[in-house]
Amino acid sequence: MSLAEDKLDIQMLTQRYADAVMRHHADDWAATWAEDGEWYLREEPVKGRANIKKTWEAAMAGFPFAVFLVQPCIIDVKGDTATSRSYVTEILATTDGTSFRVYGCYNDELVREKGEWKFKARRYSRLYQGPVDLSGEKVPYP
């Protein structure tokens, strides 16, 4: 596989992740992760695809409506591993009817697993969370 094909496959993996969030489709979302993946939302990672999926399902239960948009990512491929960085915009409506916007950044480690790119580790940094009008707290890029 060429470098260009690897980069396109990784971009499509990121898009499949976002598409599954928009559709609230847990199986498609979980399929983007390596079996032994690690999801860093806070300090301690959630480890393993099955645990990551359970955590995501519990979190998404609080958001009956979610817009999740991902910007093109920076990708560096080294054989069967890669790193990437992408930026996301989320507009979320909660079960109690409130809504807010989140901007964030994912720094990822990827691995080719059975011929397909998967997320090995995703580290999320929140850059903004607050009202849609952006009057909330803004956090500089880490």
N, C-alpha and C. Protein backbone atom coordinates (compact mmCIF):
# COMPACT_ATOMS: atom_id res chain seq x y z
N MET A 1 0.85 -1.18 0.00
CA MET A 1 0.00 0.00 0.00
C MET A 1 0.89 1.24 0.00
N SER A 2 0.51 2.25 -0.76
CA SER A 2 1.31 3.46 -0.85
C SER A 2 1.03 4.38 0.34
N LEU A 3 1.94 5.32 0.54
CA LEU A 3 1.77 6.30 1.61
C LEU A 3 0.46 7.09 1.42
N ALA A 4 0.17 7.48 0.19
CA ALA A 4 -1.06 8.22 -0.09
C ALA A 4 -2.29 7.38 0.25
N GLU A 5 -2.27 6.09 -0.06
CA GLU A 5 -3.40 5.21 0.27
C GLU A 5 -3.55 5.06 1.78
N ASP A 6 -2.43 4.92 2.48
CA ASP A 6 -2.48 4.84 3.95
C ASP A 6 -3.11 6.10 4.54
N LYS A 7 -2.67 7.26 4.06
CA LYS A 7 -3.21 8.51 4.59
C LYS A 7 -4.70 8.65 4.30
N LEU A 8 -5.12 8.26 3.11
CA LEU A 8 -6.55 8.30 2.77
C LEU A 8 -7.33 7.34 3.67
N ASP A 9 -6.81 6.15 3.89
CA ASP A 9 -7.50 5.18 4.76
C ASP A 9 -7.62 5.72 6.18
N ILE A 10 -6.60 6.40 6.67
CA ILE A 10 -6.64 6.96 8.02
C ILE A 10 -7.65 8.11 8.08
N GLN A 11 -7.68 8.95 7.04
CA GLN A 11 -8.70 10.01 7.00
C GLN A 11 -10.10 9.41 6.97
N MET A 12 -10.29 8.34 6.24
CA MET A 12 -11.60 7.69 6.18
C MET A 12 -11.96 7.05 7.52
N LEU A 13 -10.98 6.52 8.24
CA LEU A 13 -11.23 5.98 9.58
C LEU A 13 -11.76 7.08 10.49
N THR A 14 -11.13 8.24 10.43
CA THR A 14 -11.56 9.38 11.23
C THR A 14 -12.98 9.81 10.85
N GLN A 15 -13.28 9.78 9.56
CA GLN A 15 -14.62 10.13 9.10
C GLN A 15 -15.66 9.08 9.52
N ARG A 16 -15.28 7.79 9.49
CA ARG A 16 -16.20 6.73 9.95
C ARG A 16 -16.51 6.89 11.43
N TYR A 17 -15.51 7.27 12.20
CA TYR A 17 -15.70 7.54 13.63
C TYR A 17 -16.75 8.64 13.81
N ALA A 18 -16.56 9.76 13.10
CA ALA A 18 -17.48 10.90 13.20
C ALA A 18 -18.88 10.52 12.72
N ASP A 19 -18.96 9.78 11.64
CA ASP A 19 -20.25 9.34 11.11
C ASP A 19 -21.00 8.48 12.12
N ALA A 20 -20.29 7.59 12.79
CA ALA A 20 -20.93 6.73 13.79
C ALA A 20 -21.42 7.54 14.99
N VAL A 21 -20.68 8.58 15.37
CA VAL A 21 -21.14 9.46 16.45
C VAL A 21 -22.44 10.13 16.04
N MET A 22 -22.48 10.67 14.85
CA MET A 22 -23.68 11.37 14.37
C MET A 22 -24.89 10.45 14.34
N ARG A 23 -24.67 9.18 14.01
CA ARG A 23 -25.76 8.21 13.91
C ARG A 23 -26.01 7.47 15.22
N HIS A 24 -25.21 7.76 16.26
CA HIS A 24 -25.32 7.03 17.54
C HIS A 24 -25.21 5.52 17.30
N HIS A 25 -24.27 5.11 16.46
CA HIS A 25 -24.14 3.70 16.09
C HIS A 25 -22.92 3.10 16.81
N ALA A 26 -23.18 2.47 17.93
CA ALA A 26 -22.10 1.98 18.81
C ALA A 26 -21.21 0.94 18.13
N ASP A 27 -21.78 0.02 17.38
CA ASP A 27 -20.96 -1.02 16.74
C ASP A 27 -20.02 -0.44 15.70
N ASP A 28 -20.53 0.47 14.86
CA ASP A 28 -19.67 1.10 13.85
C ASP A 28 -18.59 1.95 14.52
N TRP A 29 -18.96 2.64 15.59
CA TRP A 29 -18.00 3.47 16.31
C TRP A 29 -16.91 2.60 16.92
N ALA A 30 -17.31 1.53 17.59
CA ALA A 30 -16.34 0.63 18.23
C ALA A 30 -15.42 -0.04 17.22
N ALA A 31 -15.91 -0.25 16.01
CA ALA A 31 -15.11 -0.91 14.98
C ALA A 31 -13.91 -0.07 14.53
N THR A 32 -13.87 1.20 14.90
CA THR A 32 -12.73 2.04 14.52
C THR A 32 -11.53 1.84 15.46
N TRP A 33 -11.74 1.11 16.55
CA TRP A 33 -10.71 0.92 17.58
C TRP A 33 -9.97 -0.40 17.43
N ALA A 34 -8.68 -0.39 17.76
CA ALA A 34 -7.92 -1.63 17.88
C ALA A 34 -8.45 -2.42 19.08
N GLU A 35 -8.30 -3.71 19.05
CA GLU A 35 -8.77 -4.57 20.16
C GLU A 35 -8.24 -4.07 21.50
N ASP A 36 -6.97 -3.68 21.53
CA ASP A 36 -6.35 -3.23 22.79
C ASP A 36 -6.21 -1.71 22.85
N GLY A 37 -7.13 -1.02 22.18
CA GLY A 37 -7.09 0.44 22.12
C GLY A 37 -7.19 1.08 23.50
N GLU A 38 -6.79 2.36 23.54
CA GLU A 38 -6.86 3.15 24.77
C GLU A 38 -7.46 4.51 24.43
N TRP A 39 -8.48 4.89 25.20
CA TRP A 39 -9.18 6.16 24.98
C TRP A 39 -8.92 7.06 26.18
N TYR A 40 -8.22 8.17 25.93
CA TYR A 40 -7.86 9.13 26.98
C TYR A 40 -8.80 10.33 26.90
N LEU A 41 -9.86 10.28 27.68
CA LEU A 41 -10.76 11.42 27.79
C LEU A 41 -10.37 12.26 28.99
N ARG A 42 -9.89 11.58 29.99
CA ARG A 42 -9.42 12.22 31.22
C ARG A 42 -8.02 11.69 31.49
N GLU A 43 -7.59 11.70 32.71
CA GLU A 43 -6.22 11.26 33.00
C GLU A 43 -6.03 9.77 32.83
N GLU A 44 -6.98 8.97 33.33
CA GLU A 44 -6.87 7.52 33.23
C GLU A 44 -7.54 7.03 31.95
N PRO A 45 -6.85 6.23 31.14
CA PRO A 45 -7.47 5.77 29.90
C PRO A 45 -8.50 4.66 30.15
N VAL A 46 -9.43 4.57 29.22
CA VAL A 46 -10.31 3.41 29.14
C VAL A 46 -9.59 2.45 28.20
N LYS A 47 -9.41 1.20 28.62
CA LYS A 47 -8.60 0.26 27.85
C LYS A 47 -9.44 -0.89 27.30
N GLY A 48 -9.15 -1.24 26.04
CA GLY A 48 -9.81 -2.35 25.38
C GLY A 48 -11.08 -1.92 24.67
N ARG A 49 -11.26 -2.44 23.44
CA ARG A 49 -12.39 -2.05 22.61
C ARG A 49 -13.74 -2.23 23.32
N ALA A 50 -13.94 -3.35 24.00
CA ALA A 50 -15.22 -3.61 24.66
C ALA A 50 -15.49 -2.58 25.76
N ASN A 51 -14.49 -2.25 26.56
CA ASN A 51 -14.65 -1.24 27.62
C ASN A 51 -14.86 0.15 27.04
N ILE A 52 -14.15 0.45 25.97
CA ILE A 52 -14.30 1.75 25.31
C ILE A 52 -15.74 1.89 24.79
N LYS A 53 -16.25 0.83 24.18
CA LYS A 53 -17.62 0.87 23.66
C LYS A 53 -18.63 1.09 24.78
N LYS A 54 -18.49 0.37 25.89
CA LYS A 54 -19.41 0.53 27.02
C LYS A 54 -19.38 1.96 27.55
N THR A 55 -18.19 2.54 27.67
CA THR A 55 -18.04 3.90 28.16
C THR A 55 -18.73 4.88 27.22
N TRP A 56 -18.53 4.69 25.93
CA TRP A 56 -19.13 5.56 24.92
C TRP A 56 -20.65 5.45 24.95
N GLU A 57 -21.17 4.24 25.03
CA GLU A 57 -22.62 4.05 25.06
C GLU A 57 -23.24 4.77 26.27
N ALA A 58 -22.58 4.65 27.42
CA ALA A 58 -23.08 5.32 28.63
C ALA A 58 -23.05 6.83 28.46
N ALA A 59 -21.97 7.35 27.89
CA ALA A 59 -21.86 8.79 27.68
C ALA A 59 -22.90 9.29 26.68
N MET A 60 -23.06 8.59 25.59
CA MET A 60 -23.97 9.03 24.54
C MET A 60 -25.44 8.95 24.97
N ALA A 61 -25.74 8.15 25.99
CA ALA A 61 -27.12 8.07 26.48
C ALA A 61 -27.58 9.43 27.00
N GLY A 62 -26.66 10.28 27.41
CA GLY A 62 -27.00 11.61 27.89
C GLY A 62 -27.14 12.65 26.80
N PHE A 63 -26.88 12.26 25.54
CA PHE A 63 -26.92 13.20 24.43
C PHE A 63 -27.78 12.64 23.30
N PRO A 64 -29.10 12.85 23.35
CA PRO A 64 -29.95 12.31 22.29
C PRO A 64 -29.69 12.95 20.92
N PHE A 65 -29.06 14.11 20.93
CA PHE A 65 -28.70 14.77 19.66
C PHE A 65 -27.25 15.22 19.76
N ALA A 66 -26.48 14.84 18.76
CA ALA A 66 -25.07 15.22 18.73
C ALA A 66 -24.64 15.52 17.31
N VAL A 67 -24.03 16.67 17.13
CA VAL A 67 -23.37 17.00 15.87
C VAL A 67 -21.88 16.86 16.15
N PHE A 68 -21.19 16.06 15.35
CA PHE A 68 -19.77 15.81 15.55
C PHE A 68 -19.08 15.98 14.21
N LEU A 69 -18.33 17.06 14.07
CA LEU A 69 -17.65 17.37 12.82
C LEU A 69 -16.15 17.29 13.04
N VAL A 70 -15.45 16.67 12.12
CA VAL A 70 -14.00 16.52 12.26
C VAL A 70 -13.31 17.21 11.08
N GLN A 71 -12.24 17.92 11.40
CA GLN A 71 -11.44 18.60 10.39
C GLN A 71 -10.36 17.66 9.87
N PRO A 72 -9.90 17.87 8.65
CA PRO A 72 -8.84 17.02 8.11
C PRO A 72 -7.66 16.96 9.07
N CYS A 73 -7.02 15.82 9.08
CA CYS A 73 -5.97 15.60 10.08
C CYS A 73 -4.57 15.62 9.48
N ILE A 74 -3.61 15.84 10.37
CA ILE A 74 -2.20 15.74 10.04
C ILE A 74 -1.82 14.28 10.31
N ILE A 75 -1.21 13.63 9.36
CA ILE A 75 -0.92 12.20 9.47
C ILE A 75 0.54 11.94 9.17
N ASP A 76 1.16 11.09 10.02
CA ASP A 76 2.53 10.64 9.81
C ASP A 76 2.53 9.12 9.89
N VAL A 77 2.82 8.46 8.77
CA VAL A 77 2.79 7.00 8.69
C VAL A 77 4.21 6.45 8.74
N LYS A 78 4.39 5.41 9.57
CA LYS A 78 5.67 4.70 9.67
C LYS A 78 5.37 3.21 9.65
N GLY A 79 5.33 2.63 8.45
CA GLY A 79 5.04 1.21 8.32
C GLY A 79 3.61 0.90 8.70
N ASP A 80 3.45 0.04 9.71
CA ASP A 80 2.12 -0.36 10.17
C ASP A 80 1.65 0.43 11.38
N THR A 81 2.29 1.55 11.66
CA THR A 81 1.85 2.45 12.72
C THR A 81 1.80 3.86 12.16
N ALA A 82 1.06 4.71 12.84
CA ALA A 82 0.93 6.10 12.39
C ALA A 82 0.51 6.96 13.57
N THR A 83 0.69 8.26 13.40
CA THR A 83 0.15 9.24 14.33
C THR A 83 -0.67 10.23 13.52
N SER A 84 -1.66 10.82 14.17
CA SER A 84 -2.45 11.85 13.49
C SER A 84 -2.98 12.82 14.52
N ARG A 85 -3.37 13.99 14.03
CA ARG A 85 -3.99 15.01 14.86
C ARG A 85 -5.18 15.56 14.07
N SER A 86 -6.32 15.65 14.75
CA SER A 86 -7.51 16.21 14.10
C SER A 86 -8.27 17.07 15.10
N TYR A 87 -9.04 17.99 14.56
CA TYR A 87 -9.82 18.92 15.38
C TYR A 87 -11.30 18.61 15.19
N VAL A 88 -12.05 18.71 16.29
CA VAL A 88 -13.47 18.38 16.22
C VAL A 88 -14.31 19.52 16.78
N THR A 89 -15.51 19.63 16.23
CA THR A 89 -16.54 20.52 16.71
C THR A 89 -17.72 19.65 17.09
N GLU A 90 -18.25 19.88 18.29
CA GLU A 90 -19.42 19.14 18.73
C GLU A 90 -20.48 20.14 19.19
N ILE A 91 -21.70 19.89 18.79
CA ILE A 91 -22.85 20.61 19.32
C ILE A 91 -23.74 19.52 19.91
N LEU A 92 -23.97 19.63 21.21
CA LEU A 92 -24.63 18.55 21.93
C LEU A 92 -25.91 19.05 22.60
N ALA A 93 -26.96 18.25 22.51
CA ALA A 93 -28.20 18.50 23.24
C ALA A 93 -28.32 17.39 24.27
N THR A 94 -28.56 17.76 25.52
CA THR A 94 -28.65 16.80 26.60
C THR A 94 -30.09 16.32 26.79
N THR A 95 -30.24 15.29 27.59
CA THR A 95 -31.58 14.75 27.85
C THR A 95 -32.48 15.75 28.59
N ASP A 96 -31.87 16.73 29.28
CA ASP A 96 -32.69 17.73 29.98
C ASP A 96 -33.00 18.95 29.10
N GLY A 97 -32.59 18.90 27.83
CA GLY A 97 -32.94 19.96 26.90
C GLY A 97 -31.92 21.08 26.75
N THR A 98 -30.85 21.05 27.52
CA THR A 98 -29.82 22.07 27.35
C THR A 98 -28.91 21.69 26.19
N SER A 99 -28.20 22.67 25.68
CA SER A 99 -27.26 22.40 24.59
C SER A 99 -26.01 23.23 24.79
N PHE A 100 -24.93 22.76 24.22
CA PHE A 100 -23.66 23.47 24.29
C PHE A 100 -22.75 23.02 23.15
N ARG A 101 -21.68 23.77 22.99
CA ARG A 101 -20.70 23.51 21.93
C ARG A 101 -19.38 23.12 22.58
N VAL A 102 -18.66 22.22 21.92
CA VAL A 102 -17.33 21.82 22.37
C VAL A 102 -16.41 21.83 21.15
N TYR A 103 -15.23 22.40 21.32
CA TYR A 103 -14.16 22.29 20.33
C TYR A 103 -13.04 21.50 21.00
N GLY A 104 -12.45 20.58 20.26
CA GLY A 104 -11.38 19.79 20.84
C GLY A 104 -10.39 19.31 19.80
N CYS A 105 -9.39 18.62 20.30
CA CYS A 105 -8.32 18.09 19.47
C CYS A 105 -8.04 16.66 19.88
N TYR A 106 -7.93 15.78 18.90
CA TYR A 106 -7.51 14.41 19.14
C TYR A 106 -6.08 14.24 18.64
N ASN A 107 -5.22 13.71 19.50
CA ASN A 107 -3.89 13.27 19.10
C ASN A 107 -3.93 11.75 19.16
N ASP A 108 -3.71 11.12 18.02
CA ASP A 108 -3.95 9.69 17.88
C ASP A 108 -2.69 8.91 17.55
N GLU A 109 -2.71 7.66 18.01
CA GLU A 109 -1.77 6.64 17.57
C GLU A 109 -2.61 5.60 16.86
N LEU A 110 -2.15 5.16 15.71
CA LEU A 110 -2.90 4.20 14.92
C LEU A 110 -2.05 2.98 14.62
N VAL A 111 -2.73 1.89 14.34
CA VAL A 111 -2.04 0.65 14.01
C VAL A 111 -2.83 -0.05 12.90
N ARG A 112 -2.08 -0.71 12.03
CA ARG A 112 -2.75 -1.51 11.00
C ARG A 112 -3.03 -2.89 11.62
N GLU A 113 -4.30 -3.22 11.71
CA GLU A 113 -4.73 -4.46 12.36
C GLU A 113 -5.51 -5.28 11.33
N LYS A 114 -4.96 -6.44 10.96
CA LYS A 114 -5.58 -7.30 9.94
C LYS A 114 -5.83 -6.53 8.66
N GLY A 115 -4.86 -5.70 8.28
CA GLY A 115 -4.93 -4.96 7.03
C GLY A 115 -5.72 -3.66 7.08
N GLU A 116 -6.31 -3.33 8.23
CA GLU A 116 -7.11 -2.10 8.34
C GLU A 116 -6.54 -1.20 9.43
N TRP A 117 -6.58 0.10 9.18
CA TRP A 117 -6.14 1.06 10.19
C TRP A 117 -7.17 1.16 11.30
N LYS A 118 -6.68 1.20 12.54
CA LYS A 118 -7.53 1.31 13.73
C LYS A 118 -6.87 2.29 14.70
N PHE A 119 -7.68 2.87 15.57
CA PHE A 119 -7.14 3.73 16.61
C PHE A 119 -6.54 2.86 17.71
N LYS A 120 -5.27 3.05 17.96
CA LYS A 120 -4.58 2.35 19.05
C LYS A 120 -4.72 3.17 20.34
N ALA A 121 -4.61 4.49 20.20
CA ALA A 121 -4.79 5.39 21.34
C ALA A 121 -5.33 6.72 20.81
N ARG A 122 -6.33 7.26 21.51
CA ARG A 122 -6.88 8.58 21.19
C ARG A 122 -6.80 9.41 22.45
N ARG A 123 -6.11 10.54 22.33
CA ARG A 123 -5.97 11.48 23.46
C ARG A 123 -6.73 12.75 23.10
N TYR A 124 -7.75 13.03 23.91
CA TYR A 124 -8.63 14.16 23.63
C TYR A 124 -8.28 15.34 24.52
N SER A 125 -8.16 16.50 23.92
CA SER A 125 -7.97 17.75 24.65
C SER A 125 -9.11 18.69 24.30
N ARG A 126 -9.82 19.14 25.32
CA ARG A 126 -10.91 20.09 25.12
C ARG A 126 -10.30 21.48 25.02
N LEU A 127 -10.68 22.21 23.96
CA LEU A 127 -10.18 23.57 23.75
C LEU A 127 -11.22 24.61 24.13
N TYR A 128 -12.49 24.24 24.04
CA TYR A 128 -13.58 25.14 24.42
C TYR A 128 -14.79 24.30 24.77
N GLN A 129 -15.52 24.73 25.79
CA GLN A 129 -16.82 24.16 26.09
C GLN A 129 -17.69 25.27 26.66
N GLY A 130 -18.86 25.43 26.08
CA GLY A 130 -19.75 26.46 26.58
C GLY A 130 -20.87 26.73 25.61
N PRO A 131 -21.50 27.89 25.78
CA PRO A 131 -22.61 28.24 24.92
C PRO A 131 -22.20 28.27 23.45
N VAL A 132 -23.18 28.03 22.62
CA VAL A 132 -22.94 28.03 21.18
C VAL A 132 -22.40 29.38 20.72
N ASP A 133 -22.72 30.46 21.45
CA ASP A 133 -22.24 31.80 21.07
C ASP A 133 -20.78 32.05 21.46
N LEU A 134 -20.09 31.03 21.99
CA LEU A 134 -18.67 31.08 22.35
C LEU A 134 -18.36 32.00 23.52
N SER A 135 -19.32 32.25 24.39
CA SER A 135 -19.05 33.08 25.55
C SER A 135 -18.47 32.28 26.73
N GLY A 136 -18.26 30.99 26.52
CA GLY A 136 -17.72 30.14 27.59
C GLY A 136 -16.21 30.17 27.68
N GLU A 137 -15.67 29.28 28.50
CA GLU A 137 -14.22 29.21 28.73
C GLU A 137 -13.47 28.73 27.50
N LYS A 138 -12.43 29.42 27.14
CA LYS A 138 -11.55 29.04 26.03
C LYS A 138 -10.22 28.59 26.62
N VAL A 139 -9.73 27.45 26.16
CA VAL A 139 -8.49 26.89 26.68
C VAL A 139 -7.46 26.88 25.56
N PRO A 140 -6.27 27.44 25.79
CA PRO A 140 -5.24 27.43 24.75
C PRO A 140 -4.85 26.01 24.37
N TYR A 141 -4.41 25.84 23.16
CA TYR A 141 -3.94 24.53 22.70
C TYR A 141 -2.82 24.04 23.61
N PRO A 142 -2.89 22.76 24.05
CA PRO A 142 -1.87 22.25 25.01
C PRO A 142 -0.50 22.14 24.39
